[in-house]
Amino acid sequence: MKHQVHFIAEAEEDVVDIYRYLLAEDSRAAADSFLKRIEEACSSLQKLPGRGHVPPELYRIGVSDYLEIHCKPYRIIYQIIDRKVYIHCLLDGRRDIQEHLRWRILR
């Protein structure tokens, strides 16, 4: 049985912000390619949601109910509740995100 995948509002904003950035700083092709790769990665969680791992930044502070998968260079942080997958954020893995991740997930 497939899981349902849902983006919370902040995760949707992350996708839109990155798409707009790529559109302005690179090209429509790069922005569209990003969107397609993210959609494929998130859709794959319908069948295999448990394949991710706990983000090290959260593991170090004892939070283990969030997982992440990578869609280089982005990190997709999500949570599984019952048969639903909630995408909480999409972050650039090239940045130091410990404080940002702690603020977004633990607030």
N, C-alpha and C. Protein backbone atom coordinates (compact mmCIF):
# COMPACT_ATOMS: atom_id res chain seq x y z
N MET A 1 0.84 -1.19 0.00
CA MET A 1 0.00 0.00 0.00
C MET A 1 0.89 1.25 0.00
N LYS A 2 0.52 2.19 -0.82
CA LYS A 2 1.29 3.43 -0.93
C LYS A 2 1.00 4.38 0.22
N HIS A 3 2.01 5.15 0.56
CA HIS A 3 1.84 6.24 1.52
C HIS A 3 1.42 7.49 0.74
N GLN A 4 0.71 8.36 1.39
CA GLN A 4 0.38 9.65 0.80
C GLN A 4 1.50 10.63 1.16
N VAL A 5 1.91 11.44 0.21
CA VAL A 5 2.97 12.42 0.44
C VAL A 5 2.34 13.81 0.43
N HIS A 6 2.63 14.57 1.49
CA HIS A 6 2.08 15.93 1.63
C HIS A 6 3.22 16.90 1.92
N PHE A 7 3.18 18.05 1.27
CA PHE A 7 4.12 19.14 1.57
C PHE A 7 3.46 20.08 2.55
N ILE A 8 4.12 20.39 3.66
CA ILE A 8 3.59 21.44 4.51
C ILE A 8 3.89 22.77 3.82
N ALA A 9 3.24 23.82 4.25
CA ALA A 9 3.35 25.11 3.56
C ALA A 9 4.78 25.60 3.44
N GLU A 10 5.58 25.45 4.50
CA GLU A 10 6.96 25.94 4.45
C GLU A 10 7.80 25.17 3.43
N ALA A 11 7.54 23.89 3.28
CA ALA A 11 8.26 23.10 2.29
C ALA A 11 7.88 23.55 0.88
N GLU A 12 6.61 23.85 0.67
CA GLU A 12 6.19 24.37 -0.63
C GLU A 12 6.90 25.68 -0.93
N GLU A 13 7.02 26.53 0.09
CA GLU A 13 7.72 27.81 -0.07
C GLU A 13 9.19 27.57 -0.42
N ASP A 14 9.81 26.57 0.21
CA ASP A 14 11.20 26.24 -0.11
C ASP A 14 11.35 25.91 -1.59
N VAL A 15 10.46 25.08 -2.10
CA VAL A 15 10.52 24.68 -3.52
C VAL A 15 10.34 25.89 -4.42
N VAL A 16 9.37 26.71 -4.12
CA VAL A 16 9.11 27.91 -4.94
C VAL A 16 10.31 28.86 -4.88
N ASP A 17 10.88 29.07 -3.71
CA ASP A 17 12.04 29.96 -3.58
C ASP A 17 13.23 29.46 -4.38
N ILE A 18 13.51 28.17 -4.29
CA ILE A 18 14.64 27.62 -5.05
C ILE A 18 14.37 27.70 -6.55
N TYR A 19 13.16 27.37 -6.95
CA TYR A 19 12.79 27.45 -8.37
C TYR A 19 12.99 28.88 -8.89
N ARG A 20 12.50 29.85 -8.15
CA ARG A 20 12.64 31.26 -8.58
C ARG A 20 14.10 31.68 -8.65
N TYR A 21 14.87 31.23 -7.66
CA TYR A 21 16.30 31.55 -7.66
C TYR A 21 16.98 30.99 -8.91
N LEU A 22 16.72 29.71 -9.20
CA LEU A 22 17.34 29.09 -10.38
C LEU A 22 16.87 29.76 -11.67
N LEU A 23 15.63 30.15 -11.70
CA LEU A 23 15.09 30.83 -12.87
C LEU A 23 15.80 32.17 -13.10
N ALA A 24 16.05 32.90 -12.02
CA ALA A 24 16.69 34.21 -12.13
C ALA A 24 18.20 34.12 -12.33
N GLU A 25 18.85 33.17 -11.67
CA GLU A 25 20.31 33.11 -11.68
C GLU A 25 20.90 32.12 -12.67
N ASP A 26 20.07 31.19 -13.17
CA ASP A 26 20.59 30.19 -14.09
C ASP A 26 19.74 30.19 -15.36
N SER A 27 18.77 29.30 -15.44
CA SER A 27 17.93 29.24 -16.64
C SER A 27 16.62 28.53 -16.32
N ARG A 28 15.67 28.67 -17.22
CA ARG A 28 14.40 27.96 -17.05
C ARG A 28 14.65 26.45 -17.09
N ALA A 29 15.56 26.02 -17.94
CA ALA A 29 15.86 24.58 -18.02
C ALA A 29 16.38 24.05 -16.68
N ALA A 30 17.27 24.81 -16.04
CA ALA A 30 17.80 24.39 -14.74
C ALA A 30 16.70 24.37 -13.69
N ALA A 31 15.84 25.38 -13.70
CA ALA A 31 14.74 25.45 -12.73
C ALA A 31 13.76 24.30 -12.95
N ASP A 32 13.43 24.03 -14.21
CA ASP A 32 12.51 22.93 -14.52
C ASP A 32 13.12 21.58 -14.16
N SER A 33 14.40 21.42 -14.41
CA SER A 33 15.09 20.18 -14.07
C SER A 33 15.08 19.95 -12.55
N PHE A 34 15.33 21.01 -11.80
CA PHE A 34 15.27 20.94 -10.34
C PHE A 34 13.89 20.48 -9.89
N LEU A 35 12.86 21.09 -10.44
CA LEU A 35 11.49 20.77 -10.05
C LEU A 35 11.16 19.31 -10.36
N LYS A 36 11.57 18.84 -11.51
CA LYS A 36 11.31 17.46 -11.90
C LYS A 36 12.02 16.48 -10.96
N ARG A 37 13.28 16.76 -10.63
CA ARG A 37 14.04 15.87 -9.74
C ARG A 37 13.44 15.84 -8.34
N ILE A 38 13.00 16.99 -7.85
CA ILE A 38 12.39 17.05 -6.52
C ILE A 38 11.06 16.29 -6.52
N GLU A 39 10.26 16.49 -7.54
CA GLU A 39 8.99 15.77 -7.63
C GLU A 39 9.21 14.26 -7.66
N GLU A 40 10.20 13.80 -8.41
CA GLU A 40 10.49 12.37 -8.49
C GLU A 40 10.97 11.83 -7.14
N ALA A 41 11.85 12.57 -6.48
CA ALA A 41 12.37 12.13 -5.18
C ALA A 41 11.25 12.04 -4.15
N CYS A 42 10.40 13.05 -4.11
CA CYS A 42 9.30 13.05 -3.14
C CYS A 42 8.26 11.98 -3.46
N SER A 43 7.98 11.79 -4.73
CA SER A 43 7.03 10.75 -5.13
C SER A 43 7.55 9.35 -4.77
N SER A 44 8.85 9.18 -4.79
CA SER A 44 9.42 7.87 -4.45
C SER A 44 9.16 7.50 -3.00
N LEU A 45 8.84 8.48 -2.17
CA LEU A 45 8.54 8.21 -0.77
C LEU A 45 7.19 7.52 -0.59
N GLN A 46 6.36 7.53 -1.63
CA GLN A 46 5.08 6.81 -1.56
C GLN A 46 5.31 5.33 -1.33
N LYS A 47 6.32 4.77 -1.98
CA LYS A 47 6.57 3.33 -1.91
C LYS A 47 7.61 2.96 -0.86
N LEU A 48 8.60 3.80 -0.66
CA LEU A 48 9.70 3.47 0.25
C LEU A 48 9.98 4.62 1.22
N PRO A 49 9.04 4.98 2.07
CA PRO A 49 9.26 6.13 2.93
C PRO A 49 10.33 5.93 4.00
N GLY A 50 10.56 4.69 4.40
CA GLY A 50 11.52 4.43 5.46
C GLY A 50 12.96 4.35 5.01
N ARG A 51 13.22 4.61 3.74
CA ARG A 51 14.58 4.46 3.23
C ARG A 51 15.51 5.59 3.64
N GLY A 52 14.97 6.68 4.11
CA GLY A 52 15.80 7.81 4.52
C GLY A 52 16.52 7.53 5.82
N HIS A 53 17.30 8.50 6.25
CA HIS A 53 18.01 8.38 7.53
C HIS A 53 17.77 9.65 8.36
N VAL A 54 18.00 9.52 9.65
CA VAL A 54 17.82 10.67 10.55
C VAL A 54 18.93 11.67 10.23
N PRO A 55 18.56 12.95 10.02
CA PRO A 55 19.60 13.96 9.78
C PRO A 55 20.55 14.03 10.97
N PRO A 56 21.86 14.03 10.72
CA PRO A 56 22.82 14.04 11.83
C PRO A 56 22.63 15.20 12.79
N GLU A 57 22.22 16.35 12.27
CA GLU A 57 22.03 17.52 13.13
C GLU A 57 20.92 17.28 14.15
N LEU A 58 19.89 16.52 13.75
CA LEU A 58 18.80 16.21 14.68
C LEU A 58 19.16 15.04 15.58
N TYR A 59 19.87 14.08 15.03
CA TYR A 59 20.29 12.92 15.82
C TYR A 59 21.12 13.36 17.02
N ARG A 60 22.02 14.32 16.80
CA ARG A 60 22.89 14.81 17.87
C ARG A 60 22.13 15.43 19.03
N ILE A 61 20.93 15.93 18.77
CA ILE A 61 20.14 16.53 19.86
C ILE A 61 19.00 15.62 20.29
N GLY A 62 19.05 14.37 19.88
CA GLY A 62 18.09 13.37 20.35
C GLY A 62 16.76 13.34 19.63
N VAL A 63 16.67 13.96 18.47
CA VAL A 63 15.43 13.94 17.69
C VAL A 63 15.58 12.89 16.59
N SER A 64 14.71 11.88 16.63
CA SER A 64 14.88 10.80 15.66
C SER A 64 13.61 10.48 14.87
N ASP A 65 12.59 11.31 14.97
CA ASP A 65 11.36 11.01 14.24
C ASP A 65 11.26 11.72 12.90
N TYR A 66 12.36 12.31 12.44
CA TYR A 66 12.42 12.92 11.11
C TYR A 66 13.49 12.19 10.31
N LEU A 67 13.23 12.06 9.03
CA LEU A 67 14.17 11.41 8.13
C LEU A 67 14.53 12.37 7.01
N GLU A 68 15.56 12.01 6.28
CA GLU A 68 15.92 12.81 5.11
C GLU A 68 16.36 11.91 3.99
N ILE A 69 16.10 12.40 2.78
CA ILE A 69 16.68 11.83 1.58
C ILE A 69 17.38 12.97 0.87
N HIS A 70 18.27 12.62 -0.02
CA HIS A 70 19.03 13.63 -0.74
C HIS A 70 18.63 13.66 -2.20
N CYS A 71 18.56 14.85 -2.71
CA CYS A 71 18.39 15.10 -4.13
C CYS A 71 19.43 16.19 -4.41
N LYS A 72 20.66 15.75 -4.56
CA LYS A 72 21.84 16.62 -4.56
C LYS A 72 21.61 17.90 -5.35
N PRO A 73 21.95 19.03 -4.77
CA PRO A 73 22.58 19.24 -3.47
C PRO A 73 21.56 19.47 -2.34
N TYR A 74 20.31 19.13 -2.58
CA TYR A 74 19.26 19.45 -1.61
C TYR A 74 18.96 18.27 -0.68
N ARG A 75 18.53 18.61 0.50
CA ARG A 75 18.12 17.64 1.51
C ARG A 75 16.63 17.80 1.73
N ILE A 76 15.91 16.71 1.64
CA ILE A 76 14.46 16.71 1.84
C ILE A 76 14.20 16.09 3.21
N ILE A 77 13.68 16.90 4.12
CA ILE A 77 13.43 16.46 5.49
C ILE A 77 11.95 16.14 5.63
N TYR A 78 11.64 14.95 6.13
CA TYR A 78 10.25 14.53 6.20
C TYR A 78 9.98 13.69 7.44
N GLN A 79 8.71 13.47 7.68
CA GLN A 79 8.24 12.71 8.83
C GLN A 79 7.15 11.76 8.36
N ILE A 80 7.15 10.55 8.91
CA ILE A 80 6.12 9.57 8.59
C ILE A 80 5.18 9.46 9.77
N ILE A 81 3.91 9.68 9.52
CA ILE A 81 2.87 9.53 10.55
C ILE A 81 1.78 8.68 9.94
N ASP A 82 1.58 7.52 10.55
CA ASP A 82 0.65 6.52 10.02
C ASP A 82 1.08 6.19 8.58
N ARG A 83 0.22 6.37 7.63
CA ARG A 83 0.55 6.06 6.23
C ARG A 83 0.72 7.35 5.41
N LYS A 84 1.13 8.40 6.11
CA LYS A 84 1.33 9.69 5.44
C LYS A 84 2.76 10.16 5.65
N VAL A 85 3.31 10.74 4.61
CA VAL A 85 4.64 11.32 4.65
C VAL A 85 4.47 12.83 4.55
N TYR A 86 5.02 13.54 5.53
CA TYR A 86 4.94 15.00 5.54
C TYR A 86 6.32 15.57 5.25
N ILE A 87 6.42 16.27 4.12
CA ILE A 87 7.67 16.94 3.76
C ILE A 87 7.69 18.25 4.54
N HIS A 88 8.70 18.41 5.39
CA HIS A 88 8.78 19.60 6.23
C HIS A 88 9.66 20.69 5.64
N CYS A 89 10.74 20.30 4.98
CA CYS A 89 11.58 21.34 4.39
C CYS A 89 12.50 20.75 3.32
N LEU A 90 12.94 21.63 2.48
CA LEU A 90 13.88 21.32 1.42
C LEU A 90 15.01 22.31 1.59
N LEU A 91 16.20 21.80 1.92
CA LEU A 91 17.31 22.69 2.27
C LEU A 91 18.52 22.42 1.39
N ASP A 92 19.29 23.45 1.15
CA ASP A 92 20.52 23.33 0.37
C ASP A 92 21.58 22.66 1.24
N GLY A 93 22.01 21.48 0.85
CA GLY A 93 22.98 20.72 1.63
C GLY A 93 24.37 21.32 1.67
N ARG A 94 24.64 22.34 0.87
CA ARG A 94 25.95 22.99 0.86
C ARG A 94 26.07 24.03 1.97
N ARG A 95 24.98 24.31 2.62
CA ARG A 95 24.98 25.32 3.68
C ARG A 95 25.03 24.67 5.05
N ASP A 96 25.50 25.43 6.04
CA ASP A 96 25.46 24.96 7.42
C ASP A 96 24.02 25.15 7.89
N ILE A 97 23.33 24.07 8.09
CA ILE A 97 21.90 24.19 8.34
C ILE A 97 21.48 23.78 9.75
N GLN A 98 22.43 23.54 10.63
CA GLN A 98 22.08 23.02 11.95
C GLN A 98 21.08 23.93 12.67
N GLU A 99 21.36 25.19 12.79
CA GLU A 99 20.44 26.09 13.49
C GLU A 99 19.12 26.25 12.74
N HIS A 100 19.22 26.36 11.43
CA HIS A 100 18.01 26.51 10.62
C HIS A 100 17.11 25.29 10.77
N LEU A 101 17.71 24.12 10.71
CA LEU A 101 16.95 22.88 10.83
C LEU A 101 16.34 22.76 12.21
N ARG A 102 17.10 23.06 13.23
CA ARG A 102 16.59 23.00 14.61
C ARG A 102 15.41 23.96 14.78
N TRP A 103 15.54 25.16 14.24
CA TRP A 103 14.45 26.15 14.36
C TRP A 103 13.21 25.69 13.62
N ARG A 104 13.38 25.18 12.40
CA ARG A 104 12.23 24.78 11.59
C ARG A 104 11.51 23.56 12.15
N ILE A 105 12.26 22.57 12.60
CA ILE A 105 11.67 21.32 13.04
C ILE A 105 11.17 21.40 14.47
N LEU A 106 11.89 22.07 15.33
CA LEU A 106 11.56 22.03 16.76
C LEU A 106 10.71 23.17 17.27
N ARG A 107 10.33 24.10 16.45
CA ARG A 107 9.57 25.25 16.95
C ARG A 107 8.21 24.88 17.37
